Protein backbone atom coordinates (compact mmCIF):
# COMPACT_ATOMS: atom_id res chain seq x y z
CA MET A 1 28.51 -10.00 -9.89
CA SER A 2 27.99 -7.43 -12.61
CA ALA A 3 29.14 -3.85 -12.22
CA ALA A 4 27.40 -0.93 -13.86
CA ARG A 5 29.56 1.47 -15.89
CA PRO A 6 28.90 5.15 -15.17
CA ASP A 7 30.00 8.31 -16.92
CA GLY A 8 33.34 9.01 -15.29
CA PRO A 9 35.58 7.14 -12.86
CA ALA A 10 34.93 6.22 -9.26
CA ASP A 11 35.88 8.54 -6.42
CA LEU A 12 36.98 5.58 -4.29
CA VAL A 13 37.48 1.85 -4.70
CA LEU A 14 37.89 -0.62 -1.85
CA ILE A 15 39.50 -3.83 -3.07
CA ASP A 16 40.59 -7.30 -1.95
CA GLY A 17 38.12 -7.56 0.89
CA ASP A 18 35.14 -9.48 2.19
CA VAL A 19 32.18 -7.37 1.06
CA LEU A 20 28.94 -8.62 2.60
CA THR A 21 26.30 -6.88 0.53
CA VAL A 22 23.28 -8.00 2.63
CA ASP A 23 21.27 -7.93 -0.60
CA ALA A 24 18.32 -10.25 -1.18
CA ALA A 25 20.65 -13.15 -1.98
CA HIS A 26 23.08 -12.14 0.78
CA SER A 27 25.83 -12.26 -1.81
CA SER A 28 29.46 -11.44 -1.13
CA ALA A 29 32.11 -9.75 -3.24
CA GLN A 30 35.74 -8.66 -3.13
CA ALA A 31 35.42 -4.99 -3.87
CA VAL A 32 33.16 -1.96 -4.11
CA ALA A 33 33.39 1.38 -5.94
CA LEU A 34 31.82 4.66 -4.78
CA ARG A 35 30.99 7.81 -6.72
CA ASP A 36 29.04 10.96 -5.82
CA GLY A 37 27.75 9.51 -2.58
CA LEU A 38 26.43 6.31 -4.16
CA VAL A 39 27.63 2.76 -4.63
CA LEU A 40 28.86 2.58 -8.21
CA ALA A 41 29.85 -1.06 -8.61
CA VAL A 42 30.23 -4.24 -6.60
CA GLY A 43 32.17 -7.29 -7.72
CA SER A 44 35.59 -8.80 -7.99
CA THR A 45 38.67 -6.65 -7.52
CA ALA A 46 39.33 -6.73 -11.25
CA GLU A 47 35.74 -5.69 -12.09
CA VAL A 48 35.79 -2.81 -9.64
CA LEU A 49 39.25 -1.57 -10.62
CA ALA A 50 37.89 -1.12 -14.14
CA HIS A 51 36.03 1.89 -12.72
CA ALA A 52 39.17 3.55 -11.36
CA GLY A 53 40.70 6.61 -12.98
CA PRO A 54 43.74 8.81 -12.35
CA GLY A 55 42.04 10.59 -9.44
CA THR A 56 40.45 7.55 -7.83
CA ARG A 57 41.50 6.73 -4.29
CA THR A 58 42.19 3.05 -3.61
CA VAL A 59 41.88 1.28 -0.25
CA ASP A 60 43.38 -2.18 0.08
CA LEU A 61 41.05 -3.98 2.47
CA ARG A 62 43.54 -6.84 3.04
CA GLY A 63 40.66 -9.27 3.52
CA ARG A 64 38.69 -7.13 5.97
CA THR A 65 34.88 -7.28 6.05
CA VAL A 66 32.81 -4.45 4.61
CA LEU A 67 29.18 -4.09 5.70
CA PRO A 68 26.47 -1.57 4.83
CA GLY A 69 26.45 1.34 7.26
CA ILE A 70 24.75 0.15 10.44
CA ASN A 71 21.20 1.37 11.10
CA ASP A 72 20.33 1.53 14.80
CA SER A 73 16.58 1.54 14.39
CA HIS A 74 15.67 2.70 17.92
CA LEU A 75 18.21 5.10 19.41
CA HIS A 76 17.51 8.26 21.40
CA GLY A 77 20.42 10.15 19.85
CA HIS A 78 19.90 13.47 21.58
CA ALA A 79 19.21 11.88 24.97
CA TRP A 80 22.25 9.61 24.61
CA GLY A 81 24.41 12.63 23.83
CA LEU A 82 23.06 14.55 26.83
CA ASN A 83 23.43 11.61 29.20
CA ARG A 84 27.09 10.95 28.55
CA PRO A 85 29.87 12.47 30.64
CA PRO A 86 30.60 15.31 31.14
CA LEU A 87 26.96 16.32 30.69
CA ALA A 88 25.64 13.72 33.18
CA LEU A 89 26.97 11.25 35.75
CA ASP A 90 27.78 7.80 34.38
CA LEU A 91 26.03 5.29 36.65
CA ASN A 92 26.21 2.30 34.32
CA TYR A 93 27.72 -1.01 35.33
CA PRO A 94 30.67 -1.45 35.78
CA SER A 95 31.26 2.26 36.46
CA VAL A 96 29.22 1.70 39.61
CA THR A 97 28.56 -1.66 41.28
CA SER A 98 26.74 -0.69 44.48
CA ILE A 99 24.53 1.90 46.10
CA SER A 100 27.57 3.12 48.02
CA ASP A 101 29.39 3.65 44.70
CA VAL A 102 26.52 5.80 43.45
CA VAL A 103 26.49 7.79 46.69
CA ALA A 104 30.23 8.45 46.33
CA VAL A 105 29.81 9.66 42.73
CA VAL A 106 26.95 11.97 43.73
CA ALA A 107 28.87 13.29 46.74
CA ALA A 108 31.80 14.20 44.49
CA ALA A 109 29.46 15.99 42.08
CA ALA A 110 27.84 17.86 44.97
CA ARG A 111 31.21 19.14 46.16
CA ALA A 112 31.77 20.66 42.70
CA ALA A 113 28.22 22.03 42.32
CA ALA A 114 26.75 25.30 43.52
CA PRO A 115 24.07 25.03 46.23
CA GLY A 116 20.71 24.38 44.61
CA GLU A 117 22.22 23.20 41.32
CA TRP A 118 20.62 20.05 39.93
CA ILE A 119 22.71 16.88 39.80
CA THR A 120 21.60 14.35 37.20
CA GLY A 121 22.83 10.95 36.09
CA ARG A 122 21.58 7.74 34.57
CA GLY A 123 22.27 4.06 34.11
CA TRP A 124 21.97 2.47 37.56
CA ASP A 125 20.49 -1.02 37.53
CA VAL A 126 19.23 -2.90 40.60
CA GLY A 127 20.50 -6.09 38.96
CA TYR A 128 24.06 -4.80 39.33
CA LEU A 129 23.92 -2.98 42.69
CA ALA A 130 25.62 -5.17 45.31
CA GLU A 131 23.18 -4.33 48.11
CA CYS A 132 20.21 -5.31 45.92
CA ARG A 133 21.92 -8.42 44.61
CA ASP A 134 22.76 -9.77 48.08
CA GLY A 135 19.26 -9.09 49.41
CA SER A 136 20.24 -6.54 52.03
CA ARG A 137 18.29 -3.85 50.13
CA GLU A 138 15.40 -4.15 47.70
CA LEU A 139 15.91 -0.68 46.23
CA PRO A 140 17.89 2.48 46.96
CA ASP A 141 16.02 5.40 48.49
CA ARG A 142 16.16 9.16 48.98
CA ALA A 143 18.05 8.94 52.27
CA ASP A 144 21.11 7.61 50.42
CA LEU A 145 21.17 10.70 48.23
CA ASP A 146 20.24 13.12 51.03
CA ALA A 147 23.46 12.22 52.80
CA ALA A 148 25.51 12.72 49.63
CA ALA A 149 23.93 15.95 48.42
CA PRO A 150 21.90 17.70 51.14
CA ASP A 151 21.96 21.06 49.34
CA ASN A 152 21.27 19.92 45.78
CA PRO A 153 18.27 18.28 44.12
CA VAL A 154 19.34 14.96 42.61
CA CYS A 155 17.62 12.91 39.91
CA LEU A 156 19.20 9.63 38.83
CA THR A 157 17.39 7.76 36.07
CA ASP A 158 17.79 4.00 35.92
CA PHE A 159 19.17 2.19 32.88
CA SER A 160 15.66 1.74 31.42
CA ASP A 161 14.61 5.40 31.78
CA HIS A 162 11.37 4.12 33.28
CA MET A 163 12.35 4.68 36.93
CA ALA A 164 14.02 7.57 38.76
CA TRP A 165 15.80 7.68 42.11
CA VAL A 166 15.61 11.16 43.63
CA ASN A 167 16.45 12.86 46.91
CA THR A 168 14.29 14.87 49.27
CA ALA A 169 15.28 18.17 47.66
CA ALA A 170 14.06 16.92 44.28
CA LEU A 171 10.79 15.67 45.76
CA ARG A 172 10.31 19.02 47.44
CA ALA A 173 10.96 20.89 44.18
CA ALA A 174 8.34 18.73 42.45
CA GLY A 175 5.81 19.12 45.27
CA ILE A 176 5.70 15.39 45.96
CA ASP A 177 4.85 14.33 49.52
CA ARG A 178 2.76 11.71 51.32
CA GLU A 179 -0.46 13.38 50.10
CA THR A 180 0.50 13.30 46.43
CA ILE A 181 -1.55 11.03 44.19
CA ALA A 182 0.44 9.38 41.42
CA PRO A 183 -0.55 10.47 37.90
CA PRO A 184 -2.19 8.02 35.49
CA GLY A 185 0.40 5.55 34.27
CA GLY A 186 2.80 6.30 37.13
CA THR A 187 3.75 5.01 40.59
CA ILE A 188 5.25 6.84 43.58
CA ASP A 189 6.87 4.27 45.87
CA THR A 190 6.14 4.89 49.56
CA ASP A 191 7.41 3.45 52.83
CA LEU A 192 5.41 1.84 55.64
CA VAL A 193 4.20 5.21 56.93
CA GLY A 194 3.25 6.53 53.47
CA GLN A 195 6.26 8.77 52.84
CA PRO A 196 7.75 8.78 49.31
CA THR A 197 10.93 6.67 49.20
CA GLY A 198 12.44 8.60 46.30
CA ILE A 199 11.62 5.95 43.68
CA LEU A 200 9.34 7.22 40.92
CA ARG A 201 8.14 4.92 38.16
CA GLU A 202 6.92 5.63 34.64
CA ALA A 203 4.73 8.78 34.38
CA ALA A 204 5.45 9.75 38.00
CA GLN A 205 8.92 10.87 36.90
CA ARG A 206 7.44 13.79 34.96
CA ALA A 207 6.86 15.91 38.06
CA VAL A 208 10.59 15.93 38.82
CA HIS A 209 11.82 16.10 35.23
CA ALA A 210 9.70 19.22 34.71
CA HIS A 211 11.93 21.09 37.17
CA ILE A 212 15.30 20.08 35.75
CA PRO A 213 16.73 22.97 33.69
CA ARG A 214 16.53 22.33 29.96
CA PRO A 215 19.66 22.49 27.80
CA ASP A 216 20.07 25.59 25.68
CA PRO A 217 20.13 25.30 21.85
CA ALA A 218 23.94 25.14 21.69
CA ARG A 219 24.03 22.27 24.17
CA ARG A 220 21.31 20.41 22.27
CA ARG A 221 23.23 20.75 19.01
CA ALA A 222 26.43 19.60 20.71
CA ALA A 223 24.62 16.57 22.13
CA VAL A 224 23.35 15.49 18.70
CA THR A 225 26.58 16.13 16.77
CA GLY A 226 28.64 14.51 19.53
CA ALA A 227 26.39 11.46 19.47
CA ILE A 228 26.74 11.18 15.70
CA ARG A 229 30.54 11.33 15.89
CA ALA A 230 30.48 8.54 18.47
CA LEU A 231 28.13 6.51 16.25
CA HIS A 232 30.48 6.89 13.29
CA ALA A 233 33.21 5.28 15.38
CA LEU A 234 30.91 2.26 15.67
CA GLY A 235 30.12 2.10 11.95
CA THR A 236 26.59 3.47 12.41
CA THR A 237 25.33 5.88 9.76
CA SER A 238 21.53 5.75 10.23
CA TYR A 239 19.24 5.73 13.24
CA THR A 240 15.66 6.25 14.27
CA GLU A 241 15.03 8.96 16.88
CA PRO A 242 11.99 7.24 18.40
CA GLY A 243 9.70 9.90 19.77
CA LEU A 244 10.05 13.70 19.74
CA GLY A 245 7.29 16.12 20.54
CA PRO A 246 5.05 17.48 23.29
CA GLY A 247 4.62 14.00 24.78
CA GLY A 248 8.34 13.91 25.49
CA GLU A 249 8.58 17.07 27.58
CA GLY A 250 8.45 15.04 30.81
CA ILE A 251 10.71 12.17 29.68
CA MET A 252 14.49 12.08 30.07
CA SER A 253 14.37 15.61 31.48
CA GLY A 254 12.78 16.95 28.32
CA ALA A 255 15.33 15.39 25.95
CA LEU A 256 12.46 13.98 23.86
CA GLY A 257 10.57 17.28 23.65
CA SER A 258 9.69 19.42 20.64
CA ALA A 259 12.85 21.53 21.01
CA THR A 260 14.90 18.47 20.08
CA LEU A 261 12.98 18.12 16.82
CA ASP A 262 13.80 21.78 16.16
CA THR A 263 17.48 21.00 16.74
CA TYR A 264 17.44 18.26 14.12
CA LEU A 265 15.67 20.58 11.67
CA GLU A 266 18.29 23.28 12.27
CA LEU A 267 21.19 20.88 11.75
CA ALA A 268 19.64 19.46 8.57
CA ARG A 269 19.02 22.91 7.09
CA ALA A 270 22.60 23.94 7.90
CA GLY A 271 24.01 20.82 6.22
CA GLU A 272 25.47 19.68 9.55
CA LEU A 273 23.49 16.46 10.07
CA ASP A 274 25.99 13.74 9.17
CA ALA A 275 23.64 10.81 9.67
CA ARG A 276 20.41 9.54 8.18
CA VAL A 277 17.84 10.20 10.89
CA SER A 278 14.26 8.95 10.87
CA VAL A 279 11.92 10.51 13.44
CA LEU A 280 8.80 9.25 15.13
CA LEU A 281 6.72 12.07 16.58
CA LEU A 282 5.65 11.78 20.23
CA PRO A 283 2.36 13.67 20.47
CA ALA A 284 1.03 12.14 23.72
CA PRO A 285 2.79 11.54 27.05
CA MET A 286 2.88 8.39 29.14
CA GLY A 287 -0.51 8.23 30.80
CA GLY A 288 -2.12 10.18 27.98
CA GLY A 289 -5.11 9.35 25.84
CA VAL A 290 -6.65 9.98 22.45
CA ALA A 291 -7.36 13.63 23.27
CA ASP A 292 -3.66 14.16 24.04
CA LEU A 293 -2.75 12.40 20.78
CA ARG A 294 -4.96 14.65 18.70
CA ALA A 295 -3.83 17.81 20.49
CA GLY A 296 -0.19 16.84 20.11
CA LEU A 297 -0.55 16.06 16.42
CA ALA A 298 -2.27 19.40 15.92
CA SER A 299 0.62 21.22 17.60
CA LEU A 300 3.11 19.41 15.35
CA ALA A 301 1.15 19.93 12.14
CA GLY A 302 3.09 23.09 11.34
CA THR A 303 6.49 21.38 11.39
CA ASP A 304 8.25 22.71 8.31
CA LEU A 305 10.02 19.94 6.38
CA GLU A 306 10.04 21.76 3.05
CA GLY A 307 13.38 21.74 1.30
CA LEU A 308 14.90 19.09 3.54
CA ASP A 309 16.64 16.08 2.04
CA PRO A 310 14.55 13.11 3.26
CA ARG A 311 17.68 10.97 2.97
CA ARG A 312 19.11 12.99 5.86
CA LEU A 313 16.04 13.75 7.99
CA ALA A 314 12.61 12.19 7.61
CA VAL A 315 9.56 12.29 9.87
CA LEU A 316 7.89 8.92 9.35
CA GLY A 317 5.19 8.41 11.96
CA VAL A 318 4.22 8.51 15.62
CA LYS A 319 5.22 6.69 18.78
CA LEU A 320 2.69 5.62 21.39
CA PHE A 321 3.25 4.20 24.87
CA ALA A 322 1.27 1.11 25.88
CA ASP A 323 2.86 -0.16 29.12
CA GLY A 324 6.04 0.05 31.17
CA VAL A 325 9.05 -2.28 31.30
CA PRO A 326 9.51 -5.76 32.83
CA PRO A 327 12.42 -4.97 35.22
CA ASN A 328 10.20 -2.45 37.01
CA ARG A 329 7.24 -4.87 36.99
CA THR A 330 5.24 -2.30 35.01
CA ALA A 331 4.91 -4.40 31.83
CA TRP A 332 1.29 -5.62 31.56
CA MET A 333 1.36 -9.41 31.79
CA HIS A 334 -1.25 -12.16 31.49
CA GLN A 335 0.20 -14.09 34.43
CA PRO A 336 1.17 -12.33 37.67
CA TYR A 337 4.73 -11.53 38.64
CA PRO A 338 6.14 -13.91 41.28
CA GLY A 339 5.68 -11.22 43.93
CA GLY A 340 2.15 -10.37 42.78
CA GLY A 341 0.60 -7.91 40.38
CA HIS A 342 0.28 -7.91 36.60
CA GLY A 343 1.76 -4.51 35.75
CA ALA A 344 -0.45 -2.07 33.88
CA LEU A 345 -1.02 -0.04 30.77
CA CYS A 346 0.37 3.50 31.05
CA VAL A 347 -2.60 5.02 29.26
CA HIS A 348 -5.41 7.29 30.45
CA GLY A 349 -8.19 5.36 32.18
CA ALA A 350 -9.40 4.41 35.65
CA ALA A 351 -9.46 0.64 35.05
CA PRO A 352 -7.66 -1.83 32.77
CA ALA A 353 -10.63 -2.22 30.42
CA LEU A 354 -10.95 1.55 30.03
CA GLN A 355 -7.21 1.89 29.44
CA ALA A 356 -7.28 -0.84 26.79
CA ALA A 357 -10.18 0.89 25.04
CA GLU A 358 -8.32 4.21 25.15
CA LEU A 359 -5.17 2.63 23.70
CA THR A 360 -7.22 1.02 20.93
CA ALA A 361 -8.76 4.40 20.12
CA MET A 362 -5.30 6.03 19.99
CA ILE A 363 -4.03 3.41 17.56
CA ALA A 364 -7.14 3.75 15.39
CA ALA A 365 -6.78 7.55 15.28
CA ALA A 366 -3.08 7.46 14.35
CA HIS A 367 -3.70 4.81 11.69
CA ALA A 368 -6.62 6.75 10.20
CA ALA A 369 -4.43 9.87 10.03
CA GLY A 370 -1.99 7.97 7.79
CA HIS A 371 0.92 7.66 10.20
CA GLN A 372 3.30 4.77 10.62
CA ILE A 373 2.87 3.69 14.26
CA GLY A 374 5.58 2.41 16.56
CA VAL A 375 4.15 1.27 19.91
CA HIS A 376 6.30 0.90 23.01
CA VAL A 377 4.95 -2.35 24.43
CA THR A 378 6.63 -5.08 26.45
CA GLY A 379 4.23 -7.32 28.43
CA ASP A 380 2.43 -10.20 26.71
CA ARG A 381 -1.03 -8.94 27.66
CA ALA A 382 -0.20 -5.45 26.45
CA ILE A 383 1.27 -6.84 23.22
CA ASP A 384 -1.87 -8.85 22.48
CA THR A 385 -3.95 -5.71 23.12
CA VAL A 386 -1.81 -3.59 20.80
CA VAL A 387 -1.67 -6.15 17.98
CA ASP A 388 -5.44 -6.65 18.16
CA ALA A 389 -5.85 -2.87 17.92
CA LEU A 390 -3.50 -2.65 14.92
CA ASP A 391 -5.41 -5.46 13.22
CA ALA A 392 -8.76 -3.80 13.94
CA ALA A 393 -7.52 -0.44 12.63
CA GLN A 394 -6.32 -2.03 9.40
CA ARG A 395 -9.59 -3.90 8.88
CA GLU A 396 -11.60 -0.75 9.59
CA GLN A 397 -9.51 1.42 7.28
CA PRO A 398 -7.24 -0.65 4.99
CA ARG A 399 -3.87 0.84 4.08
CA ALA A 400 -1.57 -0.77 1.54
CA ASP A 401 1.79 -0.30 3.25
CA ALA A 402 1.45 1.02 6.81
CA ARG A 403 4.58 -0.72 8.21
CA HIS A 404 3.48 -0.41 11.84
CA TYR A 405 5.68 -2.12 14.40
CA LEU A 406 6.11 -3.04 18.02
CA ILE A 407 8.86 -1.26 19.90
CA HIS A 408 10.59 -3.81 22.17
CA GLY A 409 7.95 -6.58 22.04
CA ASP A 410 9.69 -8.37 24.92
CA PHE A 411 7.08 -11.07 25.54
CA ALA A 412 5.41 -11.31 22.13
CA THR A 413 3.04 -14.27 21.99
CA GLU A 414 2.84 -16.75 19.13
CA ARG A 415 -0.67 -15.49 18.44
CA SER A 416 0.46 -11.88 18.10
CA LEU A 417 3.49 -12.80 16.00
CA ALA A 418 1.23 -14.60 13.52
CA LEU A 419 -1.06 -11.56 13.30
CA LEU A 420 1.88 -9.19 12.79
CA ALA A 421 3.18 -11.38 9.97
CA ARG A 422 -0.23 -11.38 8.29
CA HIS A 423 -0.03 -7.59 7.88
CA ASP A 424 3.76 -7.48 7.24
CA TYR A 425 4.18 -5.47 10.44
CA GLY A 426 7.43 -5.67 12.36
CA VAL A 427 8.99 -5.82 15.80
CA ASN A 428 12.01 -3.84 16.96
CA MET A 429 13.94 -5.85 19.56
CA ASN A 430 16.86 -5.00 21.85
CA PRO A 431 19.33 -7.88 22.13
CA ALA A 432 21.90 -6.01 24.25
CA ILE A 433 19.22 -5.32 26.87
CA LYS A 434 18.48 -9.05 26.94
CA TRP A 435 22.18 -9.70 27.53
CA THR A 436 22.29 -7.09 30.29
CA ILE A 437 19.25 -8.11 32.35
CA SER A 438 18.89 -11.88 31.83
CA ASP A 439 19.65 -12.82 35.43
CA LEU A 440 17.51 -10.04 36.88
CA MET A 441 14.57 -11.15 34.73
CA ASP A 442 14.79 -14.69 36.11
CA GLU A 443 13.86 -13.14 39.46
CA VAL A 444 11.28 -10.71 38.08
CA VAL A 445 9.21 -13.05 35.88
CA GLY A 446 10.63 -16.52 36.59
CA ALA A 447 13.20 -18.48 34.60
CA GLU A 448 10.77 -19.95 32.05
CA ARG A 449 9.28 -16.62 30.97
CA SER A 450 12.69 -14.95 31.17
CA ALA A 451 14.20 -17.44 28.72
CA ARG A 452 11.65 -16.50 26.05
CA MET A 453 12.10 -12.75 26.50
CA TRP A 454 12.66 -11.26 23.03
CA PRO A 455 11.70 -14.35 21.01
CA VAL A 456 13.78 -13.52 17.93
CA ARG A 457 13.77 -16.99 16.40
CA SER A 458 10.04 -17.40 16.95
CA ALA A 459 9.37 -14.05 15.27
CA LEU A 460 11.47 -14.91 12.21
CA THR A 461 9.86 -18.33 11.96
CA ALA A 462 6.43 -16.68 12.03
CA GLY A 463 7.46 -14.40 9.15
CA VAL A 464 7.73 -11.20 11.16
CA ARG A 465 10.22 -8.54 10.11
CA VAL A 466 12.74 -8.26 12.96
CA ARG A 467 14.88 -5.20 13.54
CA ALA A 468 17.51 -4.91 16.26
CA SER A 469 18.47 -1.75 18.10
CA SER A 470 20.23 -0.46 21.20
CA ASP A 471 17.56 1.83 22.66
CA ALA A 472 20.52 4.02 23.68
CA PRO A 473 21.00 5.45 26.24
CA ILE A 474 19.46 2.27 27.73
CA THR A 475 22.42 0.30 26.39
CA GLU A 476 25.43 1.56 24.49
CA PRO A 477 24.73 1.62 20.73
CA ASP A 478 27.24 -1.11 19.90
CA TRP A 479 25.69 -3.31 17.22
CA ARG A 480 28.54 -5.83 17.62
CA GLN A 481 27.34 -6.65 21.12
CA GLY A 482 23.79 -6.84 19.85
CA VAL A 483 24.74 -9.32 17.13
CA ALA A 484 26.76 -11.39 19.62
CA SER A 485 23.78 -11.45 21.97
CA MET A 486 21.49 -12.79 19.24
CA LEU A 487 24.02 -15.47 18.37
CA LEU A 488 24.68 -16.51 21.99
CA ARG A 489 21.62 -15.65 24.13
CA GLU A 490 23.83 -15.45 27.23
CA SER A 491 23.86 -13.39 30.42
CA LYS A 492 26.30 -10.51 30.74
CA ALA A 493 26.80 -11.13 34.45
CA THR A 494 27.25 -14.90 34.48
CA GLY A 495 27.54 -16.12 30.89
CA ARG A 496 24.61 -18.45 31.53
CA PRO A 497 22.45 -19.31 28.49
CA SER A 498 18.99 -17.73 28.48
CA GLY A 499 16.62 -19.11 25.88
CA PRO A 500 19.19 -20.74 23.57
CA GLU A 501 16.35 -22.00 21.36
CA GLN A 502 15.85 -18.35 20.31
CA ARG A 503 19.36 -18.00 18.86
CA ILE A 504 19.67 -16.90 15.25
CA GLY A 505 22.53 -16.96 12.73
CA LEU A 506 24.96 -14.25 11.66
CA ARG A 507 23.21 -13.58 8.37
CA GLU A 508 19.88 -13.00 10.08
CA ALA A 509 21.47 -10.84 12.78
CA LEU A 510 23.21 -8.59 10.24
CA ARG A 511 19.94 -8.12 8.35
CA ALA A 512 18.37 -6.90 11.60
CA TYR A 513 20.89 -4.03 11.71
CA THR A 514 20.90 -3.12 8.00
CA VAL A 515 18.27 -3.99 5.42
CA GLU A 516 15.38 -4.62 7.82
CA PRO A 517 15.71 -1.20 9.50
CA ALA A 518 15.83 0.31 6.00
CA HIS A 519 12.45 -1.30 5.36
CA GLN A 520 11.16 0.18 8.63
CA ASP A 521 12.32 3.56 7.25
CA PHE A 522 10.54 3.05 3.88
CA ALA A 523 14.06 3.29 2.45
CA GLU A 524 14.98 -0.22 1.30
CA GLY A 525 15.21 1.09 -2.28
CA TRP A 526 18.17 3.34 -1.51
CA LYS A 527 19.97 2.17 1.63
CA GLY A 528 20.54 -0.88 3.84
CA SER A 529 22.58 -3.00 1.42
CA ILE A 530 25.66 -2.59 -0.78
CA GLU A 531 24.25 -2.45 -4.29
CA PRO A 532 24.79 -0.09 -7.25
CA GLY A 533 22.74 3.07 -6.89
CA LYS A 534 22.33 2.82 -3.12
CA ALA A 535 23.78 5.17 -0.52
CA ALA A 536 27.54 4.93 -0.12
CA ASP A 537 27.38 4.25 3.62
CA LEU A 538 29.89 1.58 4.62
CA CYS A 539 31.35 0.02 7.78
CA VAL A 540 34.82 -1.53 7.40
CA LEU A 541 35.83 -3.89 10.18
CA GLY A 542 39.30 -4.71 11.44
CA GLY A 543 39.08 -8.33 10.29
CA ARG A 544 36.75 -10.88 8.73
CA ILE A 545 33.55 -11.13 10.72
CA GLY A 546 33.06 -14.77 9.79
CA GLU A 547 36.40 -15.74 11.31
CA VAL A 548 35.78 -14.47 14.86
CA SER A 549 33.70 -16.22 17.47
CA PRO A 550 30.54 -14.59 18.83
CA HIS A 551 32.37 -13.95 22.11
CA GLU A 552 35.15 -12.15 20.20
CA LEU A 553 32.83 -10.12 17.99
CA PRO A 554 32.32 -7.15 20.37
CA GLY A 555 36.08 -6.61 20.30
CA LEU A 556 36.36 -6.60 16.49
CA PRO A 557 37.42 -3.03 15.62
CA VAL A 558 35.60 -0.71 13.27
CA ASP A 559 38.48 0.60 11.16
CA LEU A 560 36.67 2.87 8.69
CA THR A 561 33.20 4.38 8.32
CA TYR A 562 31.95 6.05 5.16
CA PHE A 563 28.86 8.24 5.12
CA ASP A 564 27.53 9.53 1.81
CA GLY A 565 30.83 8.40 0.28
CA ARG A 566 32.91 10.47 2.72
CA LEU A 567 35.30 9.02 5.28
CA VAL A 568 33.92 10.01 8.69
CA HIS A 569 35.88 7.64 10.92
CA GLY A 570 39.36 6.14 10.72
CA GLU A 571 42.28 6.58 8.35
CA GLU A 572 42.51 5.00 4.90
């Protein structure tokens, strides 16, 4: 491999390693040189050492693998930072394994809280709560939390962030009672006598989230910078913040609101944003329509990006919500769920046909305005509706390089995959979620449909650009687990295979976390692979990735992370 000769020596050379460039040929090398925040040369150790000078630092890789900096292409960085201890209760499995565990955690928090102070947490999953698994309970309810925290409003968001479990005090604060009508795109679960159970789905969460105190600017900055430090420890140097704006004020307790965009702008202007962050704007809420989209875009039109380095912070497009999520049976499906119902679109409209027309109009408006569009969509019927709308928008107003994509795309049909490929549109999938909920989904949609959930192999075969992401805080942003999940297609709980025909290889999986997200970011010319002239963002592992089994991969350490040529994690 040739190495370009610059004016002056390299700042750093990494030699005698396993450098996986993830370039178009997926070539490998022994060494890489960095200078002024860019990759200077890639090649053999001898070729790269030719670029060393008296002041050049040298790192002996001792055979370890070097990858491009990881790009988590759908990660709610601010929300993940806010929802980690000590800022929120950790209710993820295996921290809690039962409703009684959650009650104990909330009771302890209530003892430390002042009367009336909100208690928040996230991560609980009915698929991992013992009482729900053994059939003694279908869901938790407000009475569980009333006993634990009678004097404090409590809001516990599930792992998907599409369902909240709240107590009576929280319902009272939000004005929710047996007379309350759920908002468009939302559901308020009720008992046999019509009283709210404390389970709020999709847009119904907004009424409670609106009353949870918002973090102040210092706490928002700490959440983002803390998240970025944690990402560096995982080798991640880029991510997409998928949805910030007025439509996010009622989601994740306001963590996706316009103030979060302001926080990113402040950090970028101060030179304190040590990651490459791409932003999708969120102009319309769940349950909103084209009028909300236009109003939200108008309110965001004054966002001042002048003077910002687009390689640090870029606003690329808009996010829209189409439907809910399969575990909550709110994904819009062609065939009914085993217990009945098809799910629904979470868009303004009094009937499915009206909602579909409204969603189509929203997509057409965003496309005509010149935005890249990322659509949260999970059910097969919703996916077909969205892809048809994207196709219609492109035919009505052709654009050369729109790069629209599906967010999640859980049950993408062969028909929709073919149409996406025709336009070079993509799909952003979440392999660690698949790993986490495989067994639960067998119950929710049946084993046959569950096995095909996130059809990665089918998408690649169809020619669709596939990106992989964590959707943190839904799952932890550990790309190693995501890669292992794509290689194995196994259940976290039981190790049982789930759709093994959708497995892909290591090369394809690594592309989904590097060069393909760079294409999503319109940035494939300057990041996503280790090539001369590209960003000096590197992830150095604690061994050779090709010599560990997929089951061992999540335990392979990240020894060093370089961002913009600077060491931001580990010791050389």
